[in-house]
Amino acid sequence: MILPVIMAGGSGTRLWPLSRAMYPKQFLKIVGENTMLQDTLMRLNNLDSTAPLVICNEEHRFLVAEQLREIERSGQIILEPEGRNTAPAIALAALQAIKNDTDPLMLVLAADHVIKNVESFETAVAAAVDLAKQDKLVTFGIVADSPETGYGYIKRGESCGDKGFKVNQFVEKPDKATAEKYIQTGEFYWNSGMFMFKASRYLDELEKYFPEILDVCRKSMETLTSDMDFIRIDAEVFAACPSESIDYAVMEKTDSAVVIPLDAQWSDIGSWSAIWDVSEKDASGNRFLGDVITEDSNNCLIHGEDRLITILGLENVVVIDTKDAILVADKSKVQDVKIIVEQLKRSKRAEWKIHREVYRPWGKYDSIDVGNRYQVKRITVKPGAKLSLQMHHHRAEHWVVVSGTARVTNGDEIFMVTENESTYIPIGQVHALENPGKVPLELIEVQTGSYLGEDDIVRLEDNYGRK
């Protein structure tokens, strides 16, 4: 039986402004009707596999849980207190699998890959199963169709079995001339970052080649805590874990590494140009999403949300419009979007991290206006959901219900507020908001006060385990 291990960390900075630290690309609907995480899980439908184990950042836990629920999937979710690269993340998954008294074949997948030919993917996985059962550490090498400089490469060695080859060498991202030489030989594949091996075999090799990582991971899992589907490790212990990729920690050192060629229309969607590559386009080579009108423009990628976008006389341009930021870039320069994100971080601007519209386990809010000593939010609460019982030291709040019915706790009182009714929450007042109905609750919240930051929330009770 295969245990799918889905790595759902990462920030996807090169897809800013759509992908941001608090809502990165793996949770977005970028290339289809489902999010990339959901597509990754649905790709497993025909495999003989157990419920998945998802590894994600603590701050993304409710996104993962909600997206699994939307496609009617269940699975355990390991929460990393902070990112330490792939070698520790996979070690945590392997330790959890062994803890459950099993030694499954772990199929390690990234949550942000596109694979259009699912049948070829399934064939490659079946070949990997045979080799993994022989104690091999299998990686999947993408059959390269162009001299890409944004990927690492794997050089194959001698054949081992019908489908696989021993790994001769892992190589870093090459320059253009070197990449062209790799392609000409036919012996090099793009490094996909996908793997299959027994949980015990990975732990054995990690202990042999990077025991410091395994030691910290073991200690961090000695005192696990769980709530709902979330598994929390010891954050203080894990903070001491070295940060290293599985390639450096194990795969480049082991003599058991093999590579399965994978020709399945794969992409890691690492940039806006990659999205243009895999998307359906019109007769002029343009890919549009949203309300877009063009004239005399070719090979462009235009992504809009809430307003009309018009372009005239442009070639090879990317325009990404969100509620609070717009990116306009030459398609050949989109790998450098991360430089813009770094500038935003240095300037301490919130746009690198969060969207204007923010999702919470109970629903979402949209900060529609912000000024000196006031902020206006449009809040949506899902049926049956409840915000934490809380208070604020620096702000008062005025709630106006637009649609639905709210059950409000305001100090010692609990009462209903319906459409076109309102209530006022003074500074320091203990309060809570709940949707007892069957339809979404929509309301406008007006905050006033000397400080309006999200960290001015003192939670007294919370259904979602937040502090």
Foldseek 3Di string as FASTA:
>chain_A
DEAEEEEEEDQLLLPPPVTFRLRGQLLDPQFHDHGLLLVVVVLCVPPPYDQYEYEYAPSCVLSVVVSCVVVVGDYFYEHAPDAQAALLRLLLVLVVQVVVVDWHKYKYYYSQKDFAFSVLVVVLVVVQVVLQVVQFKEFAFEQDPALDQVFKKWFFDDDDDDFKGFTPATGHRDPRVVSVVVNVVSRMGTGRLIIIHTSVSSLVQLCVQPVQSNVLSVQQAPDWDDDDSYIYTNNVSNVPHHRDYCCVRGVRPDRRYMYGYGHGPMDSCSHPLVSLVPHDADPQSEDEDDAEAEECEHNEYEYDDDDYDYYYNYYQWYWHDDPPDIDIDRNVCSNCSSVVLVVCVVVVHCSNHDGQWQADSQGIKHFPDDDQQKTKIKTKGAAFGKFFFKAFQWKKKKKAWQAAKKFKDWAPDTDIAHHRGMDIHDHPTGMMIGHNDHGITIIMMMMGGNDDDPVRIDGPGGPPPDD
